[in-house]
Amino acid sequence: MSPKSHKTSSEKLPKALIQETNRILQSLSPREEKVLRMRFGLAEQFGPSLIMSDEIASNNYRRFLIAIFGEKAIKSMIQSYRPTVALTEVVEKITRLTPELIEHLKKHHQDIDKIPWNIFEHLIAEFFVAQGYDDVRLVGRDRATSADIYASHTLDPLGTCLRFFVEVKRIKGLVGVEVINEVLGAMFSERPTFGWHAAIIVSTGGFRRIRKFSKHEISYRGLELKDRNDLLRWLNNYRPNKNGLWLPYPLTKAPRFKE
């Protein structure tokens, strides 16, 4: 549904919130800012030269915010808004992943730790699809597997399909050998069912140094370790699909091996 199809309320957004949104728009490239302002009918700037009424401006900005954060989050934000609260503090209330949210995260890396866990997992899955993976699914609620994400990639021209068990850890602490052993064990035990070739752990907190094995040796055992630096590199290199997200509606069941 187009953001313009949302019904807007006559209730005005707090002016400080509109100014904060305006500041975020101005942090984009000139072309990105112009496209968004034209799409949502936003004035070029706030001040005495504002050519729209406050009510029209407020409603236009409301549509813009709904497109990024969702209507429920915006209603809650308006009710509890305080002038000292920055717009980035509402990301924890978003209900879906959008290209606009990803662009926001590119400029505000700290907000990666505030978005809901299911949106964070969708973000990681989106990165895999954007890099050319054929089949990516959010399988954290599939009781048949311990993986958070199923990701398969076909090697052309051989046509060989590689299947990855992906574990996502958004934590402040370091991932230790216990988690590494658990993921390796789960990958091997589930191989007859899902055909896992390798596993990947994505950890925002990083990894403890393991005395017994180096990161290179762990990789040779079929497990890749990706930390926050890898995540930020994926984020900065990300480019959306021409129609929006690469993975707008992820499947939630991992494909089973069939006799």
Protein backbone atom coordinates (compact mmCIF):
# COMPACT_ATOMS: atom_id res chain seq x y z
CA MET A 1 0.00 0.00 0.00
CA SER A 2 1.36 3.41 -0.91
CA PRO A 3 2.13 5.72 2.02
CA LYS A 4 -0.20 8.28 0.43
CA SER A 5 -3.15 5.95 0.96
CA HIS A 6 -2.92 6.25 4.76
CA LYS A 7 -5.58 8.37 6.36
CA THR A 8 -4.04 11.30 8.17
CA SER A 9 -5.23 12.83 11.38
CA SER A 10 -5.84 16.52 11.97
CA GLU A 11 -3.70 16.16 15.09
CA LYS A 12 -0.43 17.98 14.57
CA LEU A 13 2.91 16.35 15.17
CA PRO A 14 5.10 18.16 17.71
CA LYS A 15 7.04 20.81 15.81
CA ALA A 16 10.32 19.72 17.40
CA LEU A 17 9.72 16.21 16.07
CA ILE A 18 9.11 17.57 12.57
CA GLN A 19 12.32 19.56 12.80
CA GLU A 20 14.21 16.45 13.87
CA THR A 21 12.78 14.57 10.88
CA ASN A 22 13.79 17.48 8.67
CA ARG A 23 17.33 17.24 10.04
CA ILE A 24 17.48 13.55 9.15
CA LEU A 25 16.27 14.29 5.62
CA GLN A 26 19.00 16.88 5.23
CA SER A 27 21.60 14.29 6.25
CA LEU A 28 20.84 12.32 3.05
CA SER A 29 22.43 12.96 -0.31
CA PRO A 30 20.81 15.86 -2.23
CA ARG A 31 19.19 13.42 -4.67
CA GLU A 32 17.82 11.14 -1.90
CA GLU A 33 16.46 14.10 0.02
CA LYS A 34 14.77 15.55 -3.08
CA VAL A 35 13.16 12.21 -4.00
CA LEU A 36 11.71 11.73 -0.51
CA ARG A 37 10.50 15.33 -0.23
CA MET A 38 8.79 15.13 -3.63
CA ARG A 39 7.23 11.73 -2.85
CA PHE A 40 5.72 12.82 0.45
CA GLY A 41 5.02 16.46 -0.44
CA LEU A 42 7.37 17.86 2.19
CA ALA A 43 8.43 21.52 2.30
CA GLU A 44 12.10 22.19 1.59
CA GLN A 45 12.67 23.70 5.02
CA PHE A 46 10.95 24.91 8.14
CA GLY A 47 10.92 28.56 9.04
CA PRO A 48 9.20 31.83 8.06
CA SER A 49 9.34 30.88 4.35
CA LEU A 50 7.33 27.66 4.84
CA ILE A 51 4.81 27.62 1.97
CA MET A 52 2.47 25.01 3.47
CA SER A 53 0.16 25.36 6.44
CA ASP A 54 1.32 23.71 9.67
CA GLU A 55 -1.51 21.17 9.39
CA ILE A 56 -0.58 20.10 5.84
CA ALA A 57 3.09 19.90 6.75
CA SER A 58 2.30 17.86 9.84
CA ASN A 59 0.20 15.37 7.85
CA ASN A 60 2.84 15.03 5.15
CA TYR A 61 5.50 14.32 7.73
CA ARG A 62 3.14 11.85 9.39
CA ARG A 63 2.94 9.85 6.13
CA PHE A 64 6.73 9.93 5.89
CA LEU A 65 7.15 8.65 9.46
CA ILE A 66 4.49 5.94 9.00
CA ALA A 67 6.35 4.68 5.93
CA ILE A 68 9.49 4.22 8.05
CA PHE A 69 8.26 3.19 11.49
CA GLY A 70 4.63 2.05 11.10
CA GLU A 71 1.41 3.74 12.21
CA LYS A 72 1.24 2.13 15.67
CA ALA A 73 4.73 3.33 16.59
CA ILE A 74 3.98 6.87 15.45
CA LYS A 75 0.75 7.05 17.49
CA SER A 76 2.62 5.89 20.59
CA MET A 77 5.43 8.35 19.91
CA ILE A 78 3.02 11.31 19.60
CA GLN A 79 1.30 10.40 22.88
CA SER A 80 4.56 10.12 24.83
CA TYR A 81 6.66 12.66 22.94
CA ARG A 82 9.02 14.94 24.84
CA PRO A 83 11.00 17.66 23.03
CA THR A 84 14.28 16.24 24.33
CA VAL A 85 13.59 12.81 22.84
CA ALA A 86 15.38 12.23 19.51
CA LEU A 87 13.64 10.50 16.63
CA THR A 88 16.12 7.60 16.76
CA GLU A 89 14.63 6.51 20.10
CA VAL A 90 11.47 5.20 18.42
CA VAL A 91 13.22 2.56 16.30
CA GLU A 92 12.58 -0.02 19.00
CA LYS A 93 8.86 0.28 18.22
CA ILE A 94 9.03 -0.37 14.48
CA THR A 95 6.94 -3.22 13.13
CA ARG A 96 8.62 -4.00 9.81
CA LEU A 97 11.85 -3.69 7.87
CA THR A 98 11.86 -0.99 5.18
CA PRO A 99 14.50 0.49 2.84
CA GLU A 100 14.05 3.80 4.69
CA LEU A 101 14.90 2.14 8.01
CA ILE A 102 18.05 0.60 6.49
CA GLU A 103 19.12 4.03 5.21
CA HIS A 104 18.54 5.41 8.70
CA LEU A 105 20.73 2.66 10.22
CA LYS A 106 23.53 3.51 7.79
CA LYS A 107 23.78 6.93 9.41
CA HIS A 108 22.94 5.85 12.97
CA HIS A 109 24.79 2.59 13.64
CA GLN A 110 23.88 2.67 17.32
CA ASP A 111 20.23 2.11 16.44
CA ILE A 112 21.03 -1.42 15.24
CA ASP A 113 20.94 -2.37 18.93
CA LYS A 114 17.49 -0.80 19.40
CA ILE A 115 15.42 -2.37 16.64
CA PRO A 116 13.29 -5.41 17.66
CA TRP A 117 15.08 -8.76 17.42
CA ASN A 118 12.79 -10.05 14.63
CA ILE A 119 13.50 -6.93 12.55
CA PHE A 120 17.22 -7.41 13.19
CA GLU A 121 17.09 -11.01 11.91
CA HIS A 122 15.14 -9.82 8.86
CA LEU A 123 17.87 -7.23 8.29
CA ILE A 124 20.57 -9.94 8.27
CA ALA A 125 18.48 -12.08 5.90
CA GLU A 126 18.01 -9.06 3.62
CA PHE A 127 21.79 -8.70 3.35
CA PHE A 128 22.14 -12.32 2.20
CA VAL A 129 19.52 -11.91 -0.54
CA ALA A 130 21.05 -8.60 -1.66
CA GLN A 131 24.37 -10.43 -2.12
CA GLY A 132 22.82 -12.99 -4.46
CA TYR A 133 21.68 -15.85 -2.22
CA ASP A 134 18.84 -17.74 -3.92
CA ASP A 135 16.68 -18.90 -1.01
CA VAL A 136 16.76 -17.11 2.35
CA ARG A 137 14.24 -17.80 5.12
CA LEU A 138 13.67 -16.71 8.72
CA VAL A 139 13.43 -20.10 10.45
CA GLY A 140 13.91 -19.15 14.09
CA ARG A 141 10.40 -20.40 14.94
CA ASP A 142 10.74 -23.62 12.96
CA ARG A 143 11.12 -26.21 15.73
CA ALA A 144 12.77 -28.67 13.39
CA THR A 145 15.96 -26.59 13.22
CA SER A 146 18.14 -24.61 15.64
CA ALA A 147 19.10 -22.11 12.94
CA ASP A 148 17.78 -18.54 12.89
CA ILE A 149 18.20 -18.14 9.13
CA TYR A 150 18.31 -20.62 6.24
CA ALA A 151 20.40 -19.33 3.32
CA SER A 152 21.21 -21.23 0.13
CA HIS A 153 23.44 -20.12 -2.72
CA THR A 154 23.81 -21.77 -6.14
CA LEU A 155 27.26 -21.78 -7.70
CA ASP A 156 27.05 -21.13 -11.43
CA PRO A 157 27.82 -22.65 -13.88
CA LEU A 158 28.20 -25.80 -11.78
CA GLY A 159 24.69 -25.50 -10.36
CA THR A 160 25.83 -26.74 -6.94
CA CYS A 161 23.58 -25.50 -4.13
CA LEU A 162 25.30 -24.61 -0.84
CA ARG A 163 23.09 -24.44 2.26
CA PHE A 164 24.07 -22.36 5.28
CA PHE A 165 22.94 -22.64 8.90
CA VAL A 166 22.94 -19.04 10.19
CA GLU A 167 22.90 -18.18 13.89
CA VAL A 168 22.27 -14.53 14.86
CA LYS A 169 23.51 -13.14 18.19
CA ARG A 170 22.70 -9.51 18.97
CA ILE A 171 24.42 -9.26 22.34
CA LYS A 172 26.78 -6.88 24.11
CA GLY A 173 29.07 -9.65 25.36
CA LEU A 174 31.44 -11.85 23.41
CA VAL A 175 30.36 -15.19 21.97
CA GLY A 176 32.40 -18.01 23.50
CA VAL A 177 33.37 -21.56 22.62
CA GLU A 178 30.11 -22.93 24.08
CA VAL A 179 28.00 -21.26 21.39
CA ILE A 180 30.47 -22.26 18.69
CA ASN A 181 30.29 -25.91 19.79
CA GLU A 182 26.48 -25.75 19.94
CA VAL A 183 26.21 -24.38 16.39
CA LEU A 184 28.67 -26.92 15.00
CA GLY A 185 26.82 -29.73 16.79
CA ALA A 186 23.42 -28.55 15.53
CA MET A 187 24.69 -28.18 11.98
CA PHE A 188 26.08 -31.74 11.90
CA SER A 189 23.06 -33.33 13.59
CA GLU A 190 20.61 -31.56 11.24
CA ARG A 191 22.61 -32.23 8.08
CA PRO A 192 20.56 -35.32 7.07
CA THR A 193 17.36 -33.24 7.27
CA PHE A 194 18.43 -29.91 5.80
CA GLY A 195 21.68 -30.70 4.00
CA TRP A 196 23.75 -28.00 5.73
CA HIS A 197 27.16 -27.48 4.14
CA ALA A 198 28.41 -24.83 6.56
CA ALA A 199 27.34 -22.53 9.39
CA ILE A 200 27.68 -18.80 10.04
CA ILE A 201 27.45 -16.98 13.37
CA VAL A 202 26.72 -13.25 13.19
CA SER A 203 27.50 -11.58 16.53
CA THR A 204 27.20 -7.85 17.23
CA GLY A 205 29.30 -8.32 20.37
CA GLY A 206 32.17 -10.17 18.72
CA PHE A 207 33.90 -13.39 19.76
CA ARG A 208 36.15 -14.48 22.59
CA ARG A 209 39.61 -15.64 21.66
CA ILE A 210 39.64 -19.42 21.59
CA ARG A 211 42.96 -20.89 22.66
CA LYS A 212 42.44 -24.29 21.06
CA PHE A 213 41.52 -23.03 17.58
CA SER A 214 42.18 -19.90 15.55
CA LYS A 215 39.42 -18.24 13.53
CA HIS A 216 41.03 -19.72 10.42
CA GLU A 217 40.93 -23.24 11.88
CA ILE A 218 37.28 -22.80 12.88
CA SER A 219 36.52 -21.80 9.28
CA TYR A 220 38.10 -25.06 8.07
CA ARG A 221 35.63 -26.92 10.28
CA GLY A 222 32.74 -25.34 8.38
CA LEU A 223 31.92 -22.36 10.61
CA GLU A 224 32.35 -18.70 9.65
CA LEU A 225 32.42 -16.02 12.37
CA LYS A 226 31.07 -12.57 11.48
CA ASP A 227 31.29 -9.68 13.94
CA ARG A 228 30.01 -6.10 14.10
CA ASN A 229 32.59 -4.88 11.60
CA ASP A 230 31.27 -7.37 9.05
CA LEU A 231 27.70 -6.29 9.81
CA LEU A 232 28.53 -2.60 9.29
CA ARG A 233 30.33 -3.41 6.05
CA TRP A 234 27.22 -5.25 4.80
CA LEU A 235 25.09 -2.31 5.87
CA ASN A 236 27.25 0.30 4.16
CA ASN A 237 27.49 -1.72 0.93
CA TYR A 238 23.76 -2.49 0.83
CA ARG A 239 21.72 -1.26 -2.11
CA PRO A 240 17.94 -1.85 -2.19
CA ASN A 241 16.07 -3.63 -4.93
CA LYS A 242 14.48 -1.28 -7.49
CA ASN A 243 11.10 -2.29 -6.02
CA GLY A 244 12.14 -1.91 -2.37
CA LEU A 245 13.39 -4.82 -0.25
CA TRP A 246 15.00 -7.88 -1.78
CA LEU A 247 13.17 -10.03 0.79
CA PRO A 248 9.89 -8.28 1.67
CA TYR A 249 7.99 -11.41 2.81
CA PRO A 250 10.41 -14.07 4.07
CA LEU A 251 9.32 -17.69 4.38
CA THR A 252 9.53 -19.21 7.88
CA LYS A 253 10.02 -22.96 7.24
CA ALA A 254 13.35 -24.48 6.24
CA PRO A 255 13.09 -26.84 3.23
CA ARG A 256 13.44 -30.49 4.29
CA PHE A 257 15.27 -33.25 2.45
CA LYS A 258 12.79 -35.54 0.70
CA GLU A 259 13.49 -39.21 0.01
